[in-house]
PDB file of all heavy atoms in Angstrom:
ATOM      1  N   ASN A   1     104.967 -97.136-124.917  1.00  0.00           N
ATOM      2  CA  ASN A   1     105.612 -96.156-125.795  1.00  0.00           C
ATOM      3  C   ASN A   1     106.432 -95.130-125.020  1.00  0.00           C
ATOM      4  O   ASN A   1     107.446 -94.623-125.497  1.00  0.00           O
ATOM      5  CB  ASN A   1     104.515 -95.414-126.619  1.00  0.00           C
ATOM      6  CG  ASN A   1     103.833 -96.352-127.606  1.00  0.00           C
ATOM      7  OD1 ASN A   1     104.457 -97.104-128.266  1.00  0.00           O
ATOM      8  ND2 ASN A   1     102.493 -96.279-127.627  1.00  0.00           N
ATOM      9  N   ALA A   2     105.971 -94.797-123.807  1.00  0.00           N
ATOM     10  CA  ALA A   2     106.653 -93.805-122.992  1.00  0.00           C
ATOM     11  C   ALA A   2     107.470 -94.495-121.893  1.00  0.00           C
ATOM     12  O   ALA A   2     108.022 -93.799-121.022  1.00  0.00           O
ATOM     13  CB  ALA A   2     105.687 -92.846-122.369  1.00  0.00           C
ATOM     14  N   ASN A   3     107.522 -95.805-121.912  1.00  0.00           N
ATOM     15  CA  ASN A   3     108.235 -96.595-120.938  1.00  0.00           C
ATOM     16  C   ASN A   3     107.795 -96.268-119.509  1.00  0.00           C
ATOM     17  O   ASN A   3     108.576 -96.096-118.560  1.00  0.00           O
ATOM     18  CB  ASN A   3     109.785 -96.318-121.016  1.00  0.00           C
ATOM     19  CG  ASN A   3     110.598 -97.417-120.352  1.00  0.00           C
ATOM     20  OD1 ASN A   3     110.189 -98.550-120.222  1.00  0.00           O
ATOM     21  ND2 ASN A   3     111.762 -96.992-119.854  1.00  0.00           N
ATOM     22  N   GLU A   4     106.463 -96.173-119.330  1.00  0.00           N
ATOM     23  CA  GLU A   4     105.886 -95.853-118.025  1.00  0.00           C
ATOM     24  C   GLU A   4     105.090 -97.038-117.510  1.00  0.00           C
ATOM     25  O   GLU A   4     104.370 -97.712-118.261  1.00  0.00           O
ATOM     26  CB  GLU A   4     104.925 -94.639-118.182  1.00  0.00           C
ATOM     27  CG  GLU A   4     105.632 -93.368-118.553  1.00  0.00           C
ATOM     28  CD  GLU A   4     104.674 -92.236-118.795  1.00  0.00           C
ATOM     29  OE1 GLU A   4     103.434 -92.522-118.888  1.00  0.00           O
ATOM     30  OE2 GLU A   4     105.079 -91.100-118.940  1.00  0.00           O
ATOM     31  N   GLU A   5     105.208 -97.336-116.199  1.00  0.00           N
ATOM     32  CA  GLU A   5     104.484 -98.436-115.604  1.00  0.00           C
ATOM     33  C   GLU A   5     103.056 -97.975-115.208  1.00  0.00           C
ATOM     34  O   GLU A   5     102.759 -96.793-115.205  1.00  0.00           O
ATOM     35  CB  GLU A   5     105.218 -98.955-114.358  1.00  0.00           C
ATOM     36  CG  GLU A   5     105.397 -97.908-113.270  1.00  0.00           C
ATOM     37  CD  GLU A   5     106.165 -98.498-112.087  1.00  0.00           C
ATOM     38  OE1 GLU A   5     105.939 -99.651-111.731  1.00  0.00           O
ATOM     39  OE2 GLU A   5     107.012 -97.781-111.535  1.00  0.00           O
ATOM     40  N   SER A   6     102.212 -98.939-114.915  1.00  0.00           N
ATOM     41  CA  SER A   6     100.822 -98.663-114.554  1.00  0.00           C
ATOM     42  C   SER A   6     100.781 -97.853-113.245  1.00  0.00           C
ATOM     43  O   SER A   6     101.538 -98.069-112.307  1.00  0.00           O
ATOM     44  CB  SER A   6     100.044 -99.971-114.355  1.00  0.00           C
ATOM     45  OG  SER A   6     100.021-100.736-115.552  1.00  0.00           O
ATOM     46  N   GLN A   7      99.848 -96.888-113.255  1.00  0.00           N
ATOM     47  CA  GLN A   7      99.701 -95.953-112.140  1.00  0.00           C
ATOM     48  C   GLN A   7      98.295 -96.013-111.551  1.00  0.00           C
ATOM     49  O   GLN A   7      97.324 -96.268-112.261  1.00  0.00           O
ATOM     50  CB  GLN A   7     100.001 -94.528-112.571  1.00  0.00           C
ATOM     51  CG  GLN A   7     101.401 -94.295-113.061  1.00  0.00           C
ATOM     52  CD  GLN A   7     102.425 -94.361-111.962  1.00  0.00           C
ATOM     53  OE1 GLN A   7     102.273 -93.725-110.907  1.00  0.00           O
ATOM     54  NE2 GLN A   7     103.486 -95.148-112.175  1.00  0.00           N
ATOM     55  N   VAL A   8      98.200 -95.821-110.247  1.00  0.00           N
ATOM     56  CA  VAL A   8      96.891 -95.822-109.528  1.00  0.00           C
ATOM     57  C   VAL A   8      96.708 -94.492-108.823  1.00  0.00           C
ATOM     58  O   VAL A   8      97.621 -93.951-108.156  1.00  0.00           O
ATOM     59  CB  VAL A   8      96.850 -96.938-108.463  1.00  0.00           C
ATOM     60  CG1 VAL A   8      95.533 -96.865-107.692  1.00  0.00           C
ATOM     61  CG2 VAL A   8      97.008 -98.285-109.127  1.00  0.00           C
ATOM     62  N   THR A   9      95.498 -93.952-108.933  1.00  0.00           N
ATOM     63  CA  THR A   9      95.132 -92.720-108.213  1.00  0.00           C
ATOM     64  C   THR A   9      93.786 -92.978-107.493  1.00  0.00           C
ATOM     65  O   THR A   9      92.770 -93.247-108.161  1.00  0.00           O
ATOM     66  CB  THR A   9      94.971 -91.505-109.133  1.00  0.00           C
ATOM     67  OG1 THR A   9      96.173 -91.286-109.804  1.00  0.00           O
ATOM     68  CG2 THR A   9      94.621 -90.256-108.337  1.00  0.00           C
ATOM     69  N   GLU A  10      93.797 -92.899-106.194  1.00  0.00           N
ATOM     70  CA  GLU A  10      92.549 -93.035-105.417  1.00  0.00           C
ATOM     71  C   GLU A  10      92.006 -91.614-105.159  1.00  0.00           C
ATOM     72  O   GLU A  10      92.742 -90.706-104.832  1.00  0.00           O
ATOM     73  CB  GLU A  10      92.800 -93.710-104.063  1.00  0.00           C
ATOM     74  CG  GLU A  10      93.125 -95.195-104.183  1.00  0.00           C
ATOM     75  CD  GLU A  10      93.195 -95.886-102.839  1.00  0.00           C
ATOM     76  OE1 GLU A  10      93.411 -95.199-101.796  1.00  0.00           O
ATOM     77  OE2 GLU A  10      93.050 -97.135-102.813  1.00  0.00           O
ATOM     78  N   LEU A  11      90.687 -91.471-105.316  1.00  0.00           N
ATOM     79  CA  LEU A  11      90.030 -90.211-105.130  1.00  0.00           C
ATOM     80  C   LEU A  11      88.837 -90.378-104.170  1.00  0.00           C
ATOM     81  O   LEU A  11      88.256 -91.457-104.112  1.00  0.00           O
ATOM     82  CB  LEU A  11      89.516 -89.682-106.482  1.00  0.00           C
ATOM     83  CG  LEU A  11      90.520 -89.534-107.613  1.00  0.00           C
ATOM     84  CD1 LEU A  11      89.805 -89.331-108.926  1.00  0.00           C
ATOM     85  CD2 LEU A  11      91.484 -88.403-107.327  1.00  0.00           C
ATOM     86  N   GLY A  12      88.480 -89.363-103.451  1.00  0.00           N
ATOM     87  CA  GLY A  12      87.342 -89.437-102.553  1.00  0.00           C
ATOM     88  C   GLY A  12      86.952 -88.090-102.041  1.00  0.00           C
ATOM     89  O   GLY A  12      87.730 -87.130-102.063  1.00  0.00           O
ATOM     90  N   GLY A  13      85.717 -87.992-101.571  1.00  0.00           N
ATOM     91  CA  GLY A  13      85.202 -86.730-101.040  1.00  0.00           C
ATOM     92  C   GLY A  13      83.858 -86.951-100.396  1.00  0.00           C
ATOM     93  O   GLY A  13      83.303 -88.067-100.453  1.00  0.00           O
ATOM     94  N   GLY A  14      83.253 -85.928 -99.844  1.00  0.00           N
ATOM     95  CA  GLY A  14      81.970 -86.093 -99.193  1.00  0.00           C
ATOM     96  C   GLY A  14      81.179 -84.802 -99.159  1.00  0.00           C
ATOM     97  O   GLY A  14      81.678 -83.713 -99.428  1.00  0.00           O
ATOM     98  N   GLU A  15      79.913 -84.930 -98.769  1.00  0.00           N
ATOM     99  CA  GLU A  15      79.012 -83.812 -98.600  1.00  0.00           C
ATOM    100  C   GLU A  15      78.194 -84.053 -97.318  1.00  0.00           C
ATOM    101  O   GLU A  15      77.902 -85.179 -96.972  1.00  0.00           O
ATOM    102  CB  GLU A  15      78.066 -83.686 -99.792  1.00  0.00           C
ATOM    103  CG  GLU A  15      78.740 -83.348-101.100  1.00  0.00           C
ATOM    104  CD  GLU A  15      77.736 -83.253-102.278  1.00  0.00           C
ATOM    105  OE1 GLU A  15      76.538 -83.334-102.020  1.00  0.00           O
ATOM    106  OE2 GLU A  15      78.237 -83.131-103.445  1.00  0.00           O
ATOM    107  N   LYS A  16      77.861 -82.934 -96.633  1.00  0.00           N
ATOM    108  CA  LYS A  16      77.173 -83.074 -95.361  1.00  0.00           C
ATOM    109  C   LYS A  16      75.707 -83.485 -95.568  1.00  0.00           C
ATOM    110  O   LYS A  16      75.110 -84.156 -94.693  1.00  0.00           O
ATOM    111  CB  LYS A  16      77.221 -81.773 -94.597  1.00  0.00           C
ATOM    112  CG  LYS A  16      78.607 -81.411 -94.072  1.00  0.00           C
ATOM    113  CD  LYS A  16      78.599 -80.141 -93.258  1.00  0.00           C
ATOM    114  CE  LYS A  16      79.997 -79.813 -92.720  1.00  0.00           C
ATOM    115  NZ  LYS A  16      80.015 -78.568 -91.932  1.00  0.00           N
ATOM    116  N   GLN A  17      75.077 -83.096 -96.660  1.00  0.00           N
ATOM    117  CA  GLN A  17      73.666 -83.420 -96.908  1.00  0.00           C
ATOM    118  C   GLN A  17      73.532 -83.805 -98.367  1.00  0.00           C
ATOM    119  O   GLN A  17      73.567 -82.980 -99.257  1.00  0.00           O
ATOM    120  CB  GLN A  17      72.804 -82.235 -96.553  1.00  0.00           C
ATOM    121  CG  GLN A  17      71.304 -82.535 -96.491  1.00  0.00           C
ATOM    122  CD  GLN A  17      70.933 -83.268 -95.227  1.00  0.00           C
ATOM    123  OE1 GLN A  17      71.785 -83.689 -94.423  1.00  0.00           O
ATOM    124  NE2 GLN A  17      69.629 -83.484 -95.009  1.00  0.00           N
ATOM    125  N   THR A  18      73.352 -85.113 -98.611  1.00  0.00           N
ATOM    126  CA  THR A  18      73.324 -85.600 -99.980  1.00  0.00           C
ATOM    127  C   THR A  18      72.582 -86.905-100.075  1.00  0.00           C
ATOM    128  O   THR A  18      71.915 -87.351 -99.081  1.00  0.00           O
ATOM    129  CB  THR A  18      74.755 -85.740-100.517  1.00  0.00           C
ATOM    130  OG1 THR A  18      74.727 -86.020-101.933  1.00  0.00           O
ATOM    131  CG2 THR A  18      75.527 -86.832 -99.780  1.00  0.00           C
ATOM    132  N   THR A  19      72.610 -87.562-101.181  1.00  0.00           N
ATOM    133  CA  THR A  19      71.973 -88.861-101.358  1.00  0.00           C
ATOM    134  C   THR A  19      72.965 -89.846-101.979  1.00  0.00           C
ATOM    135  O   THR A  19      73.986 -89.440-102.552  1.00  0.00           O
ATOM    136  CB  THR A  19      70.736 -88.813-102.258  1.00  0.00           C
ATOM    137  OG1 THR A  19      71.153 -88.458-103.608  1.00  0.00           O
ATOM    138  CG2 THR A  19      69.748 -87.748-101.774  1.00  0.00           C
ATOM    139  N   ASN A  20      72.628 -91.109-101.875  1.00  0.00           N
ATOM    140  CA  ASN A  20      73.474 -92.150-102.440  1.00  0.00           C
ATOM    141  C   ASN A  20      73.636 -91.953-103.950  1.00  0.00           C
ATOM    142  O   ASN A  20      74.757 -92.057-104.488  1.00  0.00           O
ATOM    143  CB  ASN A  20      72.888 -93.514-102.155  1.00  0.00           C
ATOM    144  CG  ASN A  20      73.746 -94.656-102.623  1.00  0.00           C
ATOM    145  OD1 ASN A  20      74.793 -94.926-102.099  1.00  0.00           O
ATOM    146  ND2 ASN A  20      73.328 -95.323-103.707  1.00  0.00           N
ATOM    147  N   ASN A  21      72.573 -91.668-104.645  1.00  0.00           N
ATOM    148  CA  ASN A  21      72.631 -91.506-106.087  1.00  0.00           C
ATOM    149  C   ASN A  21      73.491 -90.340-106.521  1.00  0.00           C
ATOM    150  O   ASN A  21      74.212 -90.397-107.497  1.00  0.00           O
ATOM    151  CB  ASN A  21      71.218 -91.358-106.676  1.00  0.00           C
ATOM    152  CG  ASN A  21      70.458 -92.671-106.758  1.00  0.00           C
ATOM    153  OD1 ASN A  21      71.062 -93.743-106.762  1.00  0.00           O
ATOM    154  ND2 ASN A  21      69.154 -92.599-106.773  1.00  0.00           N
ATOM    155  N   ARG A  22      73.403 -89.249-105.783  1.00  0.00           N
ATOM    156  CA  ARG A  22      74.257 -88.068-106.104  1.00  0.00           C
ATOM    157  C   ARG A  22      75.753 -88.415-105.931  1.00  0.00           C
ATOM    158  O   ARG A  22      76.578 -88.000-106.743  1.00  0.00           O
ATOM    159  CB  ARG A  22      73.891 -86.882-105.197  1.00  0.00           C
ATOM    160  CG  ARG A  22      72.569 -86.249-105.558  1.00  0.00           C
ATOM    161  CD  ARG A  22      72.232 -85.109-104.622  1.00  0.00           C
ATOM    162  NE  ARG A  22      73.136 -83.983-104.737  1.00  0.00           N
ATOM    163  CZ  ARG A  22      73.060 -83.042-105.701  1.00  0.00           C
ATOM    164  NH1 ARG A  22      72.115 -83.150-106.654  1.00  0.00           N
ATOM    165  NH2 ARG A  22      73.879 -82.030-105.749  1.00  0.00           N
ATOM    166  N   MET A  23      76.043 -89.202-104.925  1.00  0.00           N
ATOM    167  CA  MET A  23      77.432 -89.600-104.723  1.00  0.00           C
ATOM    168  C   MET A  23      77.897 -90.592-105.786  1.00  0.00           C
ATOM    169  O   MET A  23      79.057 -90.563-106.186  1.00  0.00           O
ATOM    170  CB  MET A  23      77.601 -90.216-103.296  1.00  0.00           C
ATOM    171  CG  MET A  23      77.374 -89.235-102.176  1.00  0.00           C
ATOM    172  SD  MET A  23      78.664 -87.907-102.082  1.00  0.00           S
ATOM    173  CE  MET A  23      77.932 -86.623-103.168  1.00  0.00           C
ATOM    174  N   GLU A  24      77.017 -91.479-106.280  1.00  0.00           N
ATOM    175  CA  GLU A  24      77.370 -92.380-107.351  1.00  0.00           C
ATOM    176  C   GLU A  24      77.756 -91.599-108.607  1.00  0.00           C
ATOM    177  O   GLU A  24      78.751 -91.886-109.264  1.00  0.00           O
ATOM    178  CB  GLU A  24      76.200 -93.322-107.652  1.00  0.00           C
ATOM    179  CG  GLU A  24      75.828 -94.312-106.547  1.00  0.00           C
ATOM    180  CD  GLU A  24      76.755 -95.506-106.483  1.00  0.00           C
ATOM    181  OE1 GLU A  24      77.758 -95.569-107.244  1.00  0.00           O
ATOM    182  OE2 GLU A  24      76.445 -96.405-105.690  1.00  0.00           O
ATOM    183  N   ILE A  25      76.950 -90.601-108.927  1.00  0.00           N
ATOM    184  CA  ILE A  25      77.183 -89.791-110.151  1.00  0.00           C
ATOM    185  C   ILE A  25      78.502 -89.008-110.016  1.00  0.00           C
ATOM    186  O   ILE A  25      79.327 -88.935-110.894  1.00  0.00           O
ATOM    187  CB  ILE A  25      76.034 -88.800-110.403  1.00  0.00           C
ATOM    188  CG1 ILE A  25      74.707 -89.541-110.558  1.00  0.00           C
ATOM    189  CG2 ILE A  25      76.311 -87.995-111.673  1.00  0.00           C
ATOM    190  CD1 ILE A  25      73.493 -88.665-110.519  1.00  0.00           C
ATOM    191  N   ASN A  26      78.674 -88.422-108.777  1.00  0.00           N
ATOM    192  CA  ASN A  26      79.873 -87.626-108.596  1.00  0.00           C
ATOM    193  C   ASN A  26      81.160 -88.429-108.636  1.00  0.00           C
ATOM    194  O   ASN A  26      82.159 -87.959-109.123  1.00  0.00           O
ATOM    195  CB  ASN A  26      79.768 -86.897-107.233  1.00  0.00           C
ATOM    196  CG  ASN A  26      80.673 -85.694-107.176  1.00  0.00           C
ATOM    197  OD1 ASN A  26      80.611 -84.781-107.991  1.00  0.00           O
ATOM    198  ND2 ASN A  26      81.552 -85.674-106.179  1.00  0.00           N
TER     199      ASN A  26
END
């Protein structure tokens, strides 16, 4: 409808003291 092609945005970040599950949720 807006004549726009597919777009990709990669995101990422980190924490010094965390857990795998917290990172999955975030």
